[in-house]
PDB file of N, CA and C in Angstrom:
ATOM      1  N   MET A   1      56.276 -13.019  30.852  1.00  0.00           N
ATOM      2  CA  MET A   1      56.179 -13.636  29.585  1.00  0.00           C
ATOM      3  C   MET A   1      55.801 -15.109  29.745  1.00  0.00           C
ATOM      4  N   ILE A   2      55.173 -15.639  28.692  1.00  0.00           N
ATOM      5  CA  ILE A   2      54.736 -17.022  28.752  1.00  0.00           C
ATOM      6  C   ILE A   2      55.911 -17.933  28.425  1.00  0.00           C
ATOM      7  N   ASP A   3      56.120 -18.868  29.304  1.00  0.00           N
ATOM      8  CA  ASP A   3      57.200 -19.838  29.094  1.00  0.00           C
ATOM      9  C   ASP A   3      56.617 -21.009  28.304  1.00  0.00           C
ATOM     10  N   LEU A   4      57.105 -21.185  27.084  1.00  0.00           N
ATOM     11  CA  LEU A   4      56.607 -22.226  26.202  1.00  0.00           C
ATOM     12  C   LEU A   4      56.871 -23.612  26.781  1.00  0.00           C
ATOM     13  N   PHE A   5      57.965 -23.774  27.462  1.00  0.00           N
ATOM     14  CA  PHE A   5      58.300 -25.070  28.056  1.00  0.00           C
ATOM     15  C   PHE A   5      57.262 -25.458  29.105  1.00  0.00           C
ATOM     16  N   LYS A   6      56.848 -24.471  29.930  1.00  0.00           N
ATOM     17  CA  LYS A   6      55.842 -24.768  30.964  1.00  0.00           C
ATOM     18  C   LYS A   6      54.484 -25.114  30.334  1.00  0.00           C
ATOM     19  N   VAL A   7      54.146 -24.430  29.233  1.00  0.00           N
ATOM     20  CA  VAL A   7      52.874 -24.706  28.551  1.00  0.00           C
ATOM     21  C   VAL A   7      52.883 -26.118  27.981  1.00  0.00           C
ATOM     22  N   LEU A   8      53.983 -26.502  27.341  1.00  0.00           N
ATOM     23  CA  LEU A   8      54.087 -27.854  26.790  1.00  0.00           C
ATOM     24  C   LEU A   8      54.076 -28.916  27.881  1.00  0.00           C
ATOM     25  N   LYS A   9      54.747 -28.630  29.004  1.00  0.00           N
ATOM     26  CA  LYS A   9      54.756 -29.572  30.126  1.00  0.00           C
ATOM     27  C   LYS A   9      53.345 -29.731  30.695  1.00  0.00           C
ATOM     28  N   PHE A  10      52.623 -28.595  30.811  1.00  0.00           N
ATOM     29  CA  PHE A  10      51.245 -28.655  31.302  1.00  0.00           C
ATOM     30  C   PHE A  10      50.364 -29.472  30.355  1.00  0.00           C
ATOM     31  N   ALA A  11      50.516 -29.249  29.040  1.00  0.00           N
ATOM     32  CA  ALA A  11      49.738 -29.989  28.046  1.00  0.00           C
ATOM     33  C   ALA A  11      50.056 -31.477  28.110  1.00  0.00           C
ATOM     34  N   LYS A  12      51.345 -31.806  28.369  1.00  0.00           N
ATOM     35  CA  LYS A  12      51.735 -33.206  28.458  1.00  0.00           C
ATOM     36  C   LYS A  12      51.153 -33.852  29.713  1.00  0.00           C
ATOM     37  N   ASP A  13      51.155 -33.107  30.814  1.00  0.00           N
ATOM     38  CA  ASP A  13      50.618 -33.636  32.067  1.00  0.00           C
ATOM     39  C   ASP A  13      49.092 -33.748  32.030  1.00  0.00           C
ATOM     40  N   GLN A  14      48.453 -32.797  31.392  1.00  0.00           N
ATOM     41  CA  GLN A  14      46.984 -32.742  31.350  1.00  0.00           C
ATOM     42  C   GLN A  14      46.472 -33.038  29.936  1.00  0.00           C
ATOM     43  N   TRP A  15      46.978 -34.083  29.319  1.00  0.00           N
ATOM     44  CA  TRP A  15      46.677 -34.363  27.913  1.00  0.00           C
ATOM     45  C   TRP A  15      45.192 -34.599  27.657  1.00  0.00           C
ATOM     46  N   LEU A  16      44.491 -35.266  28.573  1.00  0.00           N
ATOM     47  CA  LEU A  16      43.067 -35.529  28.374  1.00  0.00           C
ATOM     48  C   LEU A  16      42.267 -34.225  28.408  1.00  0.00           C
ATOM     49  N   GLY A  17      42.601 -33.369  29.341  1.00  0.00           N
ATOM     50  CA  GLY A  17      41.908 -32.072  29.439  1.00  0.00           C
ATOM     51  C   GLY A  17      42.144 -31.210  28.208  1.00  0.00           C
ATOM     52  N   VAL A  18      43.360 -31.253  27.684  1.00  0.00           N
ATOM     53  CA  VAL A  18      43.676 -30.470  26.485  1.00  0.00           C
ATOM     54  C   VAL A  18      42.887 -31.006  25.286  1.00  0.00           C
ATOM     55  N   ILE A  19      42.838 -32.325  25.135  1.00  0.00           N
ATOM     56  CA  ILE A  19      42.092 -32.925  24.012  1.00  0.00           C
ATOM     57  C   ILE A  19      40.599 -32.597  24.126  1.00  0.00           C
ATOM     58  N   VAL A  20      40.063 -32.738  25.328  1.00  0.00           N
ATOM     59  CA  VAL A  20      38.645 -32.425  25.536  1.00  0.00           C
ATOM     60  C   VAL A  20      38.378 -30.946  25.232  1.00  0.00           C
ATOM     61  N   SER A  21      39.271 -30.065  25.676  1.00  0.00           N
ATOM     62  CA  SER A  21      39.107 -28.632  25.418  1.00  0.00           C
ATOM     63  C   SER A  21      39.151 -28.329  23.924  1.00  0.00           C
ATOM     64  N   ILE A  22      40.080 -28.951  23.202  1.00  0.00           N
ATOM     65  CA  ILE A  22      40.181 -28.737  21.755  1.00  0.00           C
ATOM     66  C   ILE A  22      38.924 -29.249  21.057  1.00  0.00           C
ATOM     67  N   LEU A  23      38.462 -30.436  21.435  1.00  0.00           N
ATOM     68  CA  LEU A  23      37.236 -30.981  20.838  1.00  0.00           C
ATOM     69  C   LEU A  23      36.028 -30.086  21.133  1.00  0.00           C
ATOM     70  N   TRP A  24      35.990 -29.569  22.354  1.00  0.00           N
ATOM     71  CA  TRP A  24      34.888 -28.688  22.740  1.00  0.00           C
ATOM     72  C   TRP A  24      34.912 -27.409  21.920  1.00  0.00           C
ATOM     73  N   ILE A  25      36.073 -26.839  21.689  1.00  0.00           N
ATOM     74  CA  ILE A  25      36.201 -25.622  20.880  1.00  0.00           C
ATOM     75  C   ILE A  25      35.793 -25.904  19.428  1.00  0.00           C
ATOM     76  N   ILE A  26      36.221 -27.035  18.882  1.00  0.00           N
ATOM     77  CA  ILE A  26      35.841 -27.407  17.508  1.00  0.00           C
ATOM     78  C   ILE A  26      34.330 -27.596  17.413  1.00  0.00           C
ATOM     79  N   TYR A  27      33.746 -28.244  18.406  1.00  0.00           N
ATOM     80  CA  TYR A  27      32.293 -28.445  18.432  1.00  0.00           C
ATOM     81  C   TYR A  27      31.559 -27.103  18.449  1.00  0.00           C
ATOM     82  N   ILE A  28      32.029 -26.169  19.254  1.00  0.00           N
ATOM     83  CA  ILE A  28      31.399 -24.841  19.337  1.00  0.00           C
ATOM     84  C   ILE A  28      31.489 -24.128  17.990  1.00  0.00           C
ATOM     85  N   ILE A  29      32.623 -24.227  17.325  1.00  0.00           N
ATOM     86  CA  ILE A  29      32.786 -23.573  16.018  1.00  0.00           C
ATOM     87  C   ILE A  29      31.817 -24.169  15.001  1.00  0.00           C
ATOM     88  N   PHE A  30      31.728 -25.500  14.946  1.00  0.00           N
ATOM     89  CA  PHE A  30      30.807 -26.134  14.001  1.00  0.00           C
ATOM     90  C   PHE A  30      29.348 -25.795  14.308  1.00  0.00           C
ATOM     91  N   MET A  31      29.002 -25.748  15.578  1.00  0.00           N
ATOM     92  CA  MET A  31      27.628 -25.398  15.946  1.00  0.00           C
ATOM     93  C   MET A  31      27.322 -23.951  15.579  1.00  0.00           C
ATOM     94  N   GLN A  32      28.287 -23.072  15.704  1.00  0.00           N
ATOM     95  CA  GLN A  32      28.090 -21.674  15.322  1.00  0.00           C
ATOM     96  C   GLN A  32      27.853 -21.566  13.816  1.00  0.00           C
ATOM     97  N   ILE A  33      28.609 -22.333  13.025  1.00  0.00           N
ATOM     98  CA  ILE A  33      28.427 -22.336  11.571  1.00  0.00           C
ATOM     99  C   ILE A  33      27.035 -22.863  11.220  1.00  0.00           C
ATOM    100  N   ALA A  34      26.630 -23.951  11.879  1.00  0.00           N
ATOM    101  CA  ALA A  34      25.298 -24.511  11.626  1.00  0.00           C
ATOM    102  C   ALA A  34      24.208 -23.528  12.037  1.00  0.00           C
ATOM    103  N   ASP A  35      24.413 -22.826  13.136  1.00  0.00           N
ATOM    104  CA  ASP A  35      23.448 -21.828  13.598  1.00  0.00           C
ATOM    105  C   ASP A  35      23.339 -20.681  12.594  1.00  0.00           C
ATOM    106  N   ASP A  36      24.466 -20.247  12.045  1.00  0.00           N
ATOM    107  CA  ASP A  36      24.448 -19.181  11.049  1.00  0.00           C
ATOM    108  C   ASP A  36      23.661 -19.603   9.810  1.00  0.00           C
ATOM    109  N   LYS A  37      23.830 -20.863   9.392  1.00  0.00           N
ATOM    110  CA  LYS A  37      23.079 -21.370   8.237  1.00  0.00           C
ATOM    111  C   LYS A  37      21.591 -21.385   8.532  1.00  0.00           C
ATOM    112  N   LEU A  38      21.224 -21.792   9.745  1.00  0.00           N
ATOM    113  CA  LEU A  38      19.812 -21.816  10.117  1.00  0.00           C
ATOM    114  C   LEU A  38      19.220 -20.413  10.179  1.00  0.00           C
ATOM    115  N   VAL A  39      20.005 -19.455  10.632  1.00  0.00           N
ATOM    116  CA  VAL A  39      19.533 -18.071  10.677  1.00  0.00           C
ATOM    117  C   VAL A  39      19.269 -17.571   9.259  1.00  0.00           C
ATOM    118  N   GLU A  40      20.141 -17.894   8.322  1.00  0.00           N
ATOM    119  CA  GLU A  40      19.946 -17.487   6.922  1.00  0.00           C
ATOM    120  C   GLU A  40      18.689 -18.142   6.344  1.00  0.00           C
ATOM    121  N   LYS A  41      18.499 -19.430   6.628  1.00  0.00           N
ATOM    122  CA  LYS A  41      17.302 -20.119   6.144  1.00  0.00           C
ATOM    123  C   LYS A  41      16.045 -19.505   6.745  1.00  0.00           C
ATOM    124  N   THR A  42      16.116 -19.119   8.007  1.00  0.00           N
ATOM    125  CA  THR A  42      14.986 -18.487   8.672  1.00  0.00           C
ATOM    126  C   THR A  42      14.640 -17.162   8.007  1.00  0.00           C
ATOM    127  N   LYS A  43      15.654 -16.393   7.647  1.00  0.00           N
ATOM    128  CA  LYS A  43      15.406 -15.112   6.970  1.00  0.00           C
ATOM    129  C   LYS A  43      14.732 -15.332   5.627  1.00  0.00           C
ATOM    130  N   VAL A  44      15.192 -16.339   4.883  1.00  0.00           N
ATOM    131  CA  VAL A  44      14.586 -16.645   3.584  1.00  0.00           C
ATOM    132  C   VAL A  44      13.127 -17.071   3.770  1.00  0.00           C
ATOM    133  N   LEU A  45      12.876 -17.928   4.753  1.00  0.00           N
ATOM    134  CA  LEU A  45      11.516 -18.385   5.012  1.00  0.00           C
ATOM    135  C   LEU A  45      10.620 -17.240   5.470  1.00  0.00           C
ATOM    136  N   ASP A  46      11.142 -16.316   6.250  1.00  0.00           N
ATOM    137  CA  ASP A  46      10.357 -15.149   6.664  1.00  0.00           C
ATOM    138  C   ASP A  46       9.936 -14.319   5.456  1.00  0.00           C
ATOM    139  N   LYS A  47      10.836 -14.152   4.496  1.00  0.00           N
ATOM    140  CA  LYS A  47      10.490 -13.407   3.281  1.00  0.00           C
ATOM    141  C   LYS A  47       9.397 -14.125   2.501  1.00  0.00           C
ATOM    142  N   ILE A  48       9.496 -15.447   2.412  1.00  0.00           N
ATOM    143  CA  ILE A  48       8.480 -16.231   1.704  1.00  0.00           C
ATOM    144  C   ILE A  48       7.132 -16.118   2.420  1.00  0.00           C
ATOM    145  N   ILE A  49       7.154 -16.165   3.733  1.00  0.00           N
ATOM    146  CA  ILE A  49       5.918 -16.065   4.516  1.00  0.00           C
ATOM    147  C   ILE A  49       5.251 -14.711   4.282  1.00  0.00           C
ATOM    148  N   ILE A  50       6.036 -13.647   4.242  1.00  0.00           N
ATOM    149  CA  ILE A  50       5.481 -12.310   4.008  1.00  0.00           C
ATOM    150  C   ILE A  50       4.824 -12.245   2.631  1.00  0.00           C
ATOM    151  N   LYS A  51       5.487 -12.802   1.605  1.00  0.00           N
ATOM    152  CA  LYS A  51       4.909 -12.808   0.251  1.00  0.00           C
ATOM    153  C   LYS A  51       3.599 -13.595   0.225  1.00  0.00           C
ATOM    154  N   GLU A  52       3.585 -14.744   0.891  1.00  0.00           N
ATOM    155  CA  GLU A  52       2.377 -15.571   0.889  1.00  0.00           C
ATOM    156  C   GLU A  52       1.242 -14.898   1.663  1.00  0.00           C
ATOM    157  N   LYS A  53       1.561 -14.182   2.737  1.00  0.00           N
ATOM    158  CA  LYS A  53       0.522 -13.444   3.473  1.00  0.00           C
ATOM    159  C   LYS A  53      -0.090 -12.370   2.587  1.00  0.00           C
ATOM    160  N   LEU A  54       0.738 -11.705   1.785  1.00  0.00           N
ATOM    161  CA  LEU A  54       0.220 -10.704   0.859  1.00  0.00           C
ATOM    162  C   LEU A  54      -0.697 -11.347  -0.178  1.00  0.00           C
ATOM    163  N   ARG A  55      -0.312 -12.522  -0.686  1.00  0.00           N
ATOM    164  CA  ARG A  55      -1.162 -13.227  -1.643  1.00  0.00           C
ATOM    165  C   ARG A  55      -2.482 -13.627  -1.006  1.00  0.00           C
ATOM    166  N   ILE A  56      -2.440 -14.088   0.227  1.00  0.00           N
ATOM    167  CA  ILE A  56      -3.662 -14.496   0.931  1.00  0.00           C
ATOM    168  C   ILE A  56      -4.567 -13.287   1.137  1.00  0.00           C
ATOM    169  N   ASP A  57      -3.983 -12.151   1.542  1.00  0.00           N
ATOM    170  CA  ASP A  57      -4.777 -10.937   1.731  1.00  0.00           C
ATOM    171  C   ASP A  57      -5.432 -10.504   0.426  1.00  0.00           C
ATOM    172  N   THR A  58      -4.680 -10.581  -0.666  1.00  0.00           N
ATOM    173  CA  THR A  58      -5.226 -10.212  -1.976  1.00  0.00           C
ATOM    174  C   THR A  58      -6.370 -11.141  -2.359  1.00  0.00           C
ATOM    175  N   LEU A  59      -6.183 -12.435  -2.147  1.00  0.00           N
ATOM    176  CA  LEU A  59      -7.242 -13.394  -2.459  1.00  0.00           C
ATOM    177  C   LEU A  59      -8.466 -13.160  -1.582  1.00  0.00           C
ATOM    178  N   TYR A  60      -8.255 -12.816  -0.325  1.00  0.00           N
ATOM    179  CA  TYR A  60      -9.372 -12.554   0.576  1.00  0.00           C
ATOM    180  C   TYR A  60     -10.160 -11.337   0.098  1.00  0.00           C
ATOM    181  N   LYS A  61      -9.448 -10.276  -0.294  1.00  0.00           N
ATOM    182  CA  LYS A  61     -10.134  -9.080  -0.787  1.00  0.00           C
ATOM    183  C   LYS A  61     -10.894  -9.384  -2.070  1.00  0.00           C
ATOM    184  N   THR A  62     -10.281 -10.145  -2.968  1.00  0.00           N
ATOM    185  CA  THR A  62     -10.946 -10.521  -4.220  1.00  0.00           C
ATOM    186  C   THR A  62     -12.183 -11.365  -3.921  1.00  0.00           C
ATOM    187  N   ASN A  63     -12.051 -12.285  -2.994  1.00  0.00           N
ATOM    188  CA  ASN A  63     -13.169 -13.134  -2.608  1.00  0.00           C
ATOM    189  C   ASN A  63     -14.310 -12.298  -2.031  1.00  0.00           C
ATOM    190  N   THR A  64     -13.984 -11.294  -1.235  1.00  0.00           N
ATOM    191  CA  THR A  64     -14.994 -10.430  -0.649  1.00  0.00           C
ATOM    192  C   THR A  64     -15.734  -9.660  -1.736  1.00  0.00           C
ATOM    193  N   VAL A  65     -14.992  -9.164  -2.721  1.00  0.00           N
ATOM    194  CA  VAL A  65     -15.624  -8.436  -3.827  1.00  0.00           C
ATOM    195  C   VAL A  65     -16.566  -9.353  -4.595  1.00  0.00           C
ATOM    196  N   ILE A  66     -16.123 -10.554  -4.880  1.00  0.00           N
ATOM    197  CA  ILE A  66     -16.958 -11.520  -5.606  1.00  0.00           C
ATOM    198  C   ILE A  66     -18.198 -11.874  -4.787  1.00  0.00           C
ATOM    199  N   ASP A  67     -18.027 -12.070  -3.485  1.00  0.00           N
ATOM    200  CA  ASP A  67     -19.178 -12.371  -2.623  1.00  0.00           C
ATOM    201  C   ASP A  67     -20.194 -11.233  -2.651  1.00  0.00           C
ATOM    202  N   ASN A  68     -19.708 -10.002  -2.620  1.00  0.00           N
ATOM    203  CA  ASN A  68     -20.615  -8.857  -2.663  1.00  0.00           C
ATOM    204  C   ASN A  68     -21.365  -8.795  -3.990  1.00  0.00           C
ATOM    205  N   LYS A  69     -20.681  -9.106  -5.081  1.00  0.00           N
ATOM    206  CA  LYS A  69     -21.342  -9.121  -6.392  1.00  0.00           C
ATOM    207  C   LYS A  69     -22.402 -10.216  -6.440  1.00  0.00           C
ATOM    208  N   ILE A  70     -22.097 -11.377  -5.883  1.00  0.00           N
ATOM    209  CA  ILE A  70     -23.061 -12.477  -5.844  1.00  0.00           C
ATOM    210  C   ILE A  70     -24.283 -12.077  -5.022  1.00  0.00           C
ATOM    211  N   LYS A  71     -24.068 -11.436  -3.882  1.00  0.00           N
ATOM    212  CA  LYS A  71     -25.187 -10.983  -3.047  1.00  0.00           C
ATOM    213  C   LYS A  71     -26.054  -9.984  -3.806  1.00  0.00           C
ATOM    214  N   TYR A  72     -25.403  -9.066  -4.529  1.00  0.00           N
ATOM    215  CA  TYR A  72     -26.153  -8.078  -5.306  1.00  0.00           C
ATOM    216  C   TYR A  72     -26.988  -8.755  -6.383  1.00  0.00           C
ATOM    217  N   ILE A  73     -26.396  -9.723  -7.094  1.00  0.00           N
ATOM    218  CA  ILE A  73     -27.126 -10.446  -8.135  1.00  0.00           C
ATOM    219  C   ILE A  73     -28.309 -11.201  -7.532  1.00  0.00           C
ATOM    220  N   LYS A  74     -28.116 -11.800  -6.355  1.00  0.00           N
ATOM    221  CA  LYS A  74     -29.209 -12.515  -5.696  1.00  0.00           C
ATOM    222  C   LYS A  74     -30.339 -11.563  -5.322  1.00  0.00           C
ATOM    223  N   ILE A  75     -29.984 -10.383  -4.829  1.00  0.00           N
ATOM    224  CA  ILE A  75     -31.000  -9.401  -4.447  1.00  0.00           C
ATOM    225  C   ILE A  75     -31.782  -8.946  -5.674  1.00  0.00           C
ATOM    226  N   VAL A  76     -31.076  -8.616  -6.756  1.00  0.00           N
ATOM    227  CA  VAL A  76     -31.740  -8.170  -7.986  1.00  0.00           C
ATOM    228  C   VAL A  76     -32.626  -9.277  -8.536  1.00  0.00           C
ATOM    229  N   THR A  77     -32.143 -10.503  -8.534  1.00  0.00           N
ATOM    230  CA  THR A  77     -32.930 -11.640  -9.025  1.00  0.00           C
ATOM    231  C   THR A  77     -34.179 -11.830  -8.169  1.00  0.00           C
ATOM    232  N   HIS A  78     -34.001 -11.756  -6.867  1.00  0.00           N
ATOM    233  CA  HIS A  78     -35.133 -11.923  -5.956  1.00  0.00           C
ATOM    234  C   HIS A  78     -36.173 -10.822  -6.183  1.00  0.00           C
ATOM    235  N   ASP A  79     -35.723  -9.586  -6.346  1.00  0.00           N
ATOM    236  CA  ASP A  79     -36.651  -8.479  -6.594  1.00  0.00           C
ATOM    237  C   ASP A  79     -37.381  -8.659  -7.919  1.00  0.00           C
ATOM    238  N   THR A  80     -36.654  -9.115  -8.945  1.00  0.00           N
ATOM    239  CA  THR A  80     -37.279  -9.341 -10.251  1.00  0.00           C
ATOM    240  C   THR A  80     -38.320 -10.449 -10.161  1.00  0.00           C
ATOM    241  N   ILE A  81     -37.981 -11.514  -9.457  1.00  0.00           N
ATOM    242  CA  ILE A  81     -38.934 -12.617  -9.285  1.00  0.00           C
ATOM    243  C   ILE A  81     -40.158 -12.141  -8.518  1.00  0.00           C
ATOM    244  N   LYS A  82     -39.935 -11.311  -7.502  1.00  0.00           N
ATOM    245  CA  LYS A  82     -41.048 -10.794  -6.715  1.00  0.00           C
ATOM    246  C   LYS A  82     -41.978  -9.945  -7.587  1.00  0.00           C
ATOM    247  N   ILE A  83     -41.392  -9.114  -8.466  1.00  0.00           N
ATOM    248  CA  ILE A  83     -42.193  -8.277  -9.366  1.00  0.00           C
ATOM    249  C   ILE A  83     -42.983  -9.155 -10.342  1.00  0.00           C
ATOM    250  N   ILE A  84     -42.321 -10.181 -10.899  1.00  0.00           N
ATOM    251  CA  ILE A  84     -42.986 -11.075 -11.865  1.00  0.00           C
ATOM    252  C   ILE A  84     -44.107 -11.853 -11.194  1.00  0.00           C
ATOM    253  N   ASP A  85     -43.909 -12.245  -9.946  1.00  0.00           N
ATOM    254  CA  ASP A  85     -44.940 -12.989  -9.224  1.00  0.00           C
ATOM    255  C   ASP A  85     -46.193 -12.154  -8.994  1.00  0.00           C
ATOM    256  N   THR A  86     -46.061 -10.850  -8.892  1.00  0.00           N
ATOM    257  CA  THR A  86     -47.223  -9.996  -8.625  1.00  0.00           C
ATOM    258  C   THR A  86     -47.941  -9.560  -9.908  1.00  0.00           C
ATOM    259  N   MET A  87     -47.403  -9.862 -11.072  1.00  0.00           N
ATOM    260  CA  MET A  87     -48.025  -9.455 -12.342  1.00  0.00           C
ATOM    261  C   MET A  87     -49.226 -10.343 -12.672  1.00  0.00           C
ATOM    262  N   ARG A  88     -50.150  -9.729 -13.405  1.00  0.00           N
ATOM    263  CA  ARG A  88     -51.298 -10.501 -13.904  1.00  0.00           C
ATOM    264  C   ARG A  88     -50.833 -11.300 -15.115  1.00  0.00           C
ATOM    265  N   ALA A  89     -51.600 -12.231 -15.538  1.00  0.00           N
ATOM    266  CA  ALA A  89     -51.235 -13.124 -16.635  1.00  0.00           C
ATOM    267  C   ALA A  89     -50.989 -12.367 -17.928  1.00  0.00           C
ATOM    268  N   SER A  90     -51.836 -11.378 -18.252  1.00  0.00           N
ATOM    269  CA  SER A  90     -51.663 -10.632 -19.503  1.00  0.00           C
ATOM    270  C   SER A  90     -50.402  -9.770 -19.439  1.00  0.00           C
ATOM    271  N   SER A  91     -50.161  -9.159 -18.308  1.00  0.00           N
ATOM    272  CA  SER A  91     -48.946  -8.346 -18.139  1.00  0.00           C
ATOM    273  C   SER A  91     -47.702  -9.239 -18.192  1.00  0.00           C
ATOM    274  N   LEU A  92     -47.831 -10.426 -17.630  1.00  0.00           N
ATOM    275  CA  LEU A  92     -46.727 -11.380 -17.626  1.00  0.00           C
ATOM    276  C   LEU A  92     -46.404 -11.852 -19.044  1.00  0.00           C
ATOM    277  N   GLN A  93     -47.437 -12.121 -19.810  1.00  0.00           N
ATOM    278  CA  GLN A  93     -47.233 -12.542 -21.195  1.00  0.00           C
ATOM    279  C   GLN A  93     -46.566 -11.421 -21.988  1.00  0.00           C
ATOM    280  N   LYS A  94     -46.989 -10.191 -21.792  1.00  0.00           N
ATOM    281  CA  LYS A  94     -46.390  -9.052 -22.486  1.00  0.00           C
ATOM    282  C   LYS A  94     -44.924  -8.860 -22.050  1.00  0.00           C
ATOM    283  N   TYR A  95     -44.651  -9.046 -20.748  1.00  0.00           N
ATOM    284  CA  TYR A  95     -43.287  -8.884 -20.228  1.00  0.00           C
ATOM    285  C   TYR A  95     -42.322  -9.866 -20.921  1.00  0.00           C
ATOM    286  N   PHE A  96     -42.729 -11.140 -20.978  1.00  0.00           N
ATOM    287  CA  PHE A  96     -41.846 -12.134 -21.587  1.00  0.00           C
ATOM    288  C   PHE A  96     -41.764 -11.986 -23.105  1.00  0.00           C
ATOM    289  N   THR A  97     -42.837 -11.551 -23.728  1.00  0.00           N
ATOM    290  CA  THR A  97     -42.817 -11.324 -25.185  1.00  0.00           C
ATOM    291  C   THR A  97     -41.852 -10.187 -25.517  1.00  0.00           C
ATOM    292  N   ASP A  98     -41.913  -9.106 -24.744  1.00  0.00           N
ATOM    293  CA  ASP A  98     -40.981  -7.972 -24.967  1.00  0.00           C
ATOM    294  C   ASP A  98     -39.544  -8.357 -24.641  1.00  0.00           C
ATOM    295  N   ARG A  99     -39.372  -9.157 -23.644  1.00  0.00           N
ATOM    296  CA  ARG A  99     -38.023  -9.495 -23.171  1.00  0.00           C
ATOM    297  C   ARG A  99     -37.329 -10.489 -24.098  1.00  0.00           C
ATOM    298  N   TYR A 100     -38.050 -11.470 -24.558  1.00  0.00           N
ATOM    299  CA  TYR A 100     -37.463 -12.536 -25.372  1.00  0.00           C
ATOM    300  C   TYR A 100     -38.042 -12.517 -26.781  1.00  0.00           C
ATOM    301  N   ASN A 101     -37.871 -11.455 -27.474  1.00  0.00           N
ATOM    302  CA  ASN A 101     -38.328 -11.337 -28.857  1.00  0.00           C
ATOM    303  C   ASN A 101     -37.465 -12.224 -29.756  1.00  0.00           C
ATOM    304  N   LYS A 102     -38.136 -12.900 -30.679  1.00  0.00           N
ATOM    305  CA  LYS A 102     -37.379 -13.756 -31.603  1.00  0.00           C
ATOM    306  C   LYS A 102     -37.353 -13.171 -32.971  1.00  0.00           C
TER     307      LYS A 102
END
């Protein structure tokens, strides 16, 4: 069995070591609490990062669709210009008269 008198005598003889040990234990407890808080913050930030990655992916896909539509419009415009450039003057006049009737 543990003799309380011997423990107290040891603590009295080794008072600096006991104080340092107690301070060290308190420091470890506080650091563990701070670490737990940081782990929770990390989890929250990970969730935010995942949401933002999804938003970025969605924006990238939307941007790709818009780029493809722009390319298609450019191709159609270029083809139309090419057709108009090859028309004779009378055909060209008829084309614009039919297209822009007032």
